[in-house]
């Protein structure tokens, strides 16, 4: 099956340089962030199935913690990470990898959706953002945030703005509202409007400003 082919490393999105030029021109804060991180860009890891697994595993934990859990998860499978291999592994082994019972249920449900054809990666690129989000959120444990991570990292859609993401909100507070303790998602949307049609790129640099490790799924 296609899931068993080695995943190729994604190239830099074709729109990235143009987006950076336009964001630099329109937003001096982003101009500084783009200049600060010249050698890294948006990347994804693995297949569509693996990207969604990473997003589920990364829910509500830090980038560093998610990487550690993923490493143990890979070691536990000791073979290709595919829907069939995830379905075959026992719950205790997954628990020993650092996954909660809830997340184990989520990744098993995701594997079943891929295995039986309810999710078909070959159709993803033909769907617009909202259609794909609707399809993905039919899986247990995949909400708006996880679906948006998939659109950003796997499909590299240029204008995704995950306004519920805590890291994004903290970065907006740090760089745009240093005297305000917290910003609500509804208020953050106003900032996102100035970054259209490159909100994915703006989001990535805002994430990068907070974490020593580039975010990847």
Protein backbone atom coordinates (compact mmCIF):
# COMPACT_ATOMS: atom_id res chain seq x y z
CA UNK A 1 0.00 0.00 0.00
CA UNK A 2 1.01 3.64 -0.42
CA UNK A 3 1.41 3.98 3.35
CA UNK A 4 4.36 1.60 3.25
CA UNK A 5 6.42 3.64 0.81
CA UNK A 6 9.17 5.67 2.43
CA UNK A 7 8.00 9.22 2.91
CA UNK A 8 9.94 11.79 0.93
CA UNK A 9 11.07 14.93 2.66
CA UNK A 10 8.93 17.85 1.64
CA UNK A 11 10.59 20.63 -0.32
CA UNK A 12 10.25 24.27 0.66
CA UNK A 13 6.75 25.44 -0.31
CA UNK A 14 6.80 27.21 -3.67
CA UNK A 15 5.10 30.28 -2.19
CA UNK A 16 7.49 30.70 0.78
CA UNK A 17 9.88 33.31 -0.63
CA UNK A 18 7.08 35.44 -2.06
CA UNK A 19 5.17 35.24 1.22
CA UNK A 20 8.25 36.30 3.19
CA UNK A 21 8.83 39.27 0.89
CA UNK A 22 5.26 40.47 1.25
CA UNK A 23 5.10 39.93 5.00
CA UNK A 24 8.40 41.78 5.46
CA UNK A 25 7.02 44.70 3.50
CA UNK A 26 3.76 44.88 5.45
CA UNK A 27 4.81 43.99 9.01
CA UNK A 28 8.10 45.16 10.60
CA UNK A 29 7.80 42.70 13.49
CA UNK A 30 7.50 39.76 11.14
CA UNK A 31 10.30 41.25 9.07
CA UNK A 32 12.57 40.96 12.11
CA UNK A 33 11.45 37.36 12.81
CA UNK A 34 11.95 36.27 9.21
CA UNK A 35 15.44 37.78 9.27
CA UNK A 36 16.21 36.03 12.57
CA UNK A 37 15.50 32.54 11.15
CA UNK A 38 16.87 32.51 7.60
CA UNK A 39 17.90 28.86 7.31
CA UNK A 40 14.75 27.00 8.32
CA UNK A 41 11.29 26.81 6.88
CA UNK A 42 8.06 24.83 7.01
CA UNK A 43 8.68 21.08 6.80
CA UNK A 44 6.55 18.01 7.27
CA UNK A 45 7.57 14.52 8.27
CA UNK A 46 6.22 11.32 6.77
CA UNK A 47 2.96 10.30 5.17
CA UNK A 48 -0.48 11.81 5.67
CA UNK A 49 -1.23 9.12 8.25
CA UNK A 50 2.00 9.80 10.13
CA UNK A 51 1.42 13.56 10.12
CA UNK A 52 -1.99 13.09 11.73
CA UNK A 53 -0.51 10.68 14.27
CA UNK A 54 2.13 13.25 15.19
CA UNK A 55 -0.53 15.94 15.56
CA UNK A 56 -2.63 13.74 17.88
CA UNK A 57 0.40 12.78 19.95
CA UNK A 58 1.40 16.45 20.16
CA UNK A 59 -1.95 17.63 21.50
CA UNK A 60 -1.64 19.66 24.72
CA UNK A 61 2.06 18.90 25.29
CA UNK A 62 5.25 20.74 24.39
CA UNK A 63 7.19 20.24 21.17
CA UNK A 64 10.01 18.60 23.15
CA UNK A 65 7.68 16.25 25.03
CA UNK A 66 5.88 15.27 21.83
CA UNK A 67 9.21 14.42 20.16
CA UNK A 68 10.14 12.17 23.09
CA UNK A 69 6.81 10.32 22.99
CA UNK A 70 7.07 9.91 19.22
CA UNK A 71 10.55 8.42 19.54
CA UNK A 72 9.31 5.82 22.05
CA UNK A 73 6.28 5.17 19.84
CA UNK A 74 8.51 4.49 16.82
CA UNK A 75 10.68 2.19 18.89
CA UNK A 76 7.65 0.27 20.17
CA UNK A 77 6.43 -0.46 16.64
CA UNK A 78 9.94 -1.45 15.48
CA UNK A 79 8.70 -1.38 11.89
CA UNK A 80 6.90 0.90 9.42
CA UNK A 81 4.28 3.16 10.97
CA UNK A 82 1.17 2.32 8.95
CA UNK A 83 -2.52 1.94 9.78
CA UNK A 84 -2.17 -1.86 9.95
CA UNK A 85 0.86 -1.81 12.26
CA UNK A 86 -0.82 0.67 14.61
CA UNK A 87 -3.96 -1.48 14.71
CA UNK A 88 -1.90 -4.56 15.55
CA UNK A 89 0.01 -3.15 18.53
CA UNK A 90 -1.37 -3.78 22.01
CA UNK A 91 -2.59 -1.08 24.38
CA UNK A 92 0.00 -1.68 27.10
CA UNK A 93 2.88 -1.20 24.67
CA UNK A 94 1.36 2.10 23.62
CA UNK A 95 0.86 3.10 27.26
CA UNK A 96 4.53 2.36 27.91
CA UNK A 97 5.37 4.77 25.08
CA UNK A 98 3.82 7.59 27.09
CA UNK A 99 0.41 7.72 25.44
CA UNK A 100 -2.72 8.22 27.52
CA UNK A 101 -5.66 5.84 27.13
CA UNK A 102 -7.55 8.65 25.44
CA UNK A 103 -4.84 9.26 22.85
CA UNK A 104 -4.52 5.51 22.24
CA UNK A 105 -8.21 5.44 21.40
CA UNK A 106 -7.72 8.37 19.04
CA UNK A 107 -4.83 6.85 17.11
CA UNK A 108 -6.61 3.50 16.83
CA UNK A 109 -9.67 5.24 15.40
CA UNK A 110 -7.47 7.17 12.97
CA UNK A 111 -5.82 3.93 11.83
CA UNK A 112 -9.22 2.33 11.26
CA UNK A 113 -10.37 5.28 9.13
CA UNK A 114 -7.31 4.93 6.90
CA UNK A 115 -7.37 1.14 6.84
CA UNK A 116 -10.99 0.86 5.72
CA UNK A 117 -10.82 3.76 3.26
CA UNK A 118 -12.95 6.31 5.08
CA UNK A 119 -9.97 8.63 4.74
CA UNK A 120 -8.24 8.46 1.35
CA UNK A 121 -5.04 10.53 1.05
CA UNK A 122 -5.26 10.58 -2.74
CA UNK A 123 -8.36 12.80 -2.48
CA UNK A 124 -7.01 15.31 0.05
CA UNK A 125 -5.44 17.78 -2.36
CA UNK A 126 -8.64 18.11 -4.35
CA UNK A 127 -10.58 19.33 -1.30
CA UNK A 128 -10.65 22.92 -0.14
CA UNK A 129 -9.62 23.78 3.41
CA UNK A 130 -13.06 23.57 4.99
CA UNK A 131 -14.05 20.38 3.18
CA UNK A 132 -10.92 18.64 4.36
CA UNK A 133 -11.28 19.90 7.92
CA UNK A 134 -14.83 18.51 7.94
CA UNK A 135 -13.61 15.09 6.75
CA UNK A 136 -10.78 14.92 9.25
CA UNK A 137 -12.81 16.02 12.25
CA UNK A 138 -15.06 12.99 11.77
CA UNK A 139 -12.22 11.00 13.39
CA UNK A 140 -12.18 10.79 17.20
CA UNK A 141 -9.58 13.10 18.66
CA UNK A 142 -9.19 15.23 15.54
CA UNK A 143 -10.61 18.65 16.16
CA UNK A 144 -10.15 21.93 14.40
CA UNK A 145 -6.58 22.38 15.70
CA UNK A 146 -5.33 18.95 14.62
CA UNK A 147 -6.92 19.32 11.20
CA UNK A 148 -5.27 22.71 10.81
CA UNK A 149 -1.87 21.22 11.71
CA UNK A 150 -2.42 18.72 8.91
CA UNK A 151 -3.27 21.44 6.40
CA UNK A 152 -0.19 23.42 7.42
CA UNK A 153 2.41 20.67 7.58
CA UNK A 154 1.30 17.87 5.29
CA UNK A 155 -0.50 19.81 2.57
CA UNK A 156 1.40 23.06 3.15
CA UNK A 157 -1.65 25.22 2.52
CA UNK A 158 -0.53 28.88 2.58
CA UNK A 159 -3.31 30.63 4.49
CA UNK A 160 -4.15 28.58 7.60
CA UNK A 161 -4.48 30.45 10.89
CA UNK A 162 -4.88 28.10 13.91
CA UNK A 163 -6.31 30.70 16.21
CA UNK A 164 -6.91 28.19 19.05
CA UNK A 165 -3.20 27.34 19.20
CA UNK A 166 -1.71 28.43 22.53
CA UNK A 167 1.77 28.95 21.08
CA UNK A 168 0.43 31.27 18.40
CA UNK A 169 -1.51 33.30 20.96
CA UNK A 170 1.51 33.58 23.28
CA UNK A 171 3.70 34.71 20.38
CA UNK A 172 1.21 37.42 19.36
CA UNK A 173 1.14 38.61 22.97
CA UNK A 174 4.94 38.70 23.19
CA UNK A 175 5.57 40.56 19.97
CA UNK A 176 2.48 42.73 19.51
CA UNK A 177 1.00 43.20 23.00
CA UNK A 178 3.90 43.24 25.49
CA UNK A 179 1.84 45.14 28.07
CA UNK A 180 -1.22 42.87 27.86
CA UNK A 181 -1.19 39.57 29.72
CA UNK A 182 -3.58 37.56 27.53
CA UNK A 183 -5.25 37.76 24.13
CA UNK A 184 -8.44 35.95 23.17
CA UNK A 185 -8.67 33.95 19.92
CA UNK A 186 -11.33 36.34 18.63
CA UNK A 187 -8.91 39.25 19.06
CA UNK A 188 -6.07 37.29 17.45
CA UNK A 189 -8.20 36.91 14.33
CA UNK A 190 -7.82 40.65 13.74
CA UNK A 191 -4.05 40.23 13.59
CA UNK A 192 -4.45 37.33 11.18
CA UNK A 193 -6.33 39.52 8.74
CA UNK A 194 -3.24 41.65 8.14
CA UNK A 195 -1.27 38.54 7.15
CA UNK A 196 -3.61 37.19 4.47
CA UNK A 197 -3.03 35.33 2.17
CA UNK A 198 0.09 34.08 3.99
CA UNK A 199 -1.18 33.33 7.48
CA UNK A 200 0.54 29.93 7.50
CA UNK A 201 3.91 31.62 7.02
CA UNK A 202 3.24 34.27 9.67
CA UNK A 203 2.13 31.55 12.09
CA UNK A 204 5.24 29.49 11.48
CA UNK A 205 7.60 32.38 12.24
CA UNK A 206 5.64 33.31 15.34
CA UNK A 207 5.93 29.70 16.56
CA UNK A 208 9.62 29.68 15.73
CA UNK A 209 10.20 32.76 17.88
CA UNK A 210 9.06 30.86 20.98
CA UNK A 211 10.72 27.48 20.58
CA UNK A 212 14.35 26.47 20.00
CA UNK A 213 13.13 23.55 17.91
CA UNK A 214 11.28 24.16 14.61
CA UNK A 215 7.73 22.83 14.79
CA UNK A 216 7.27 19.80 12.52
CA UNK A 217 4.49 17.24 12.06
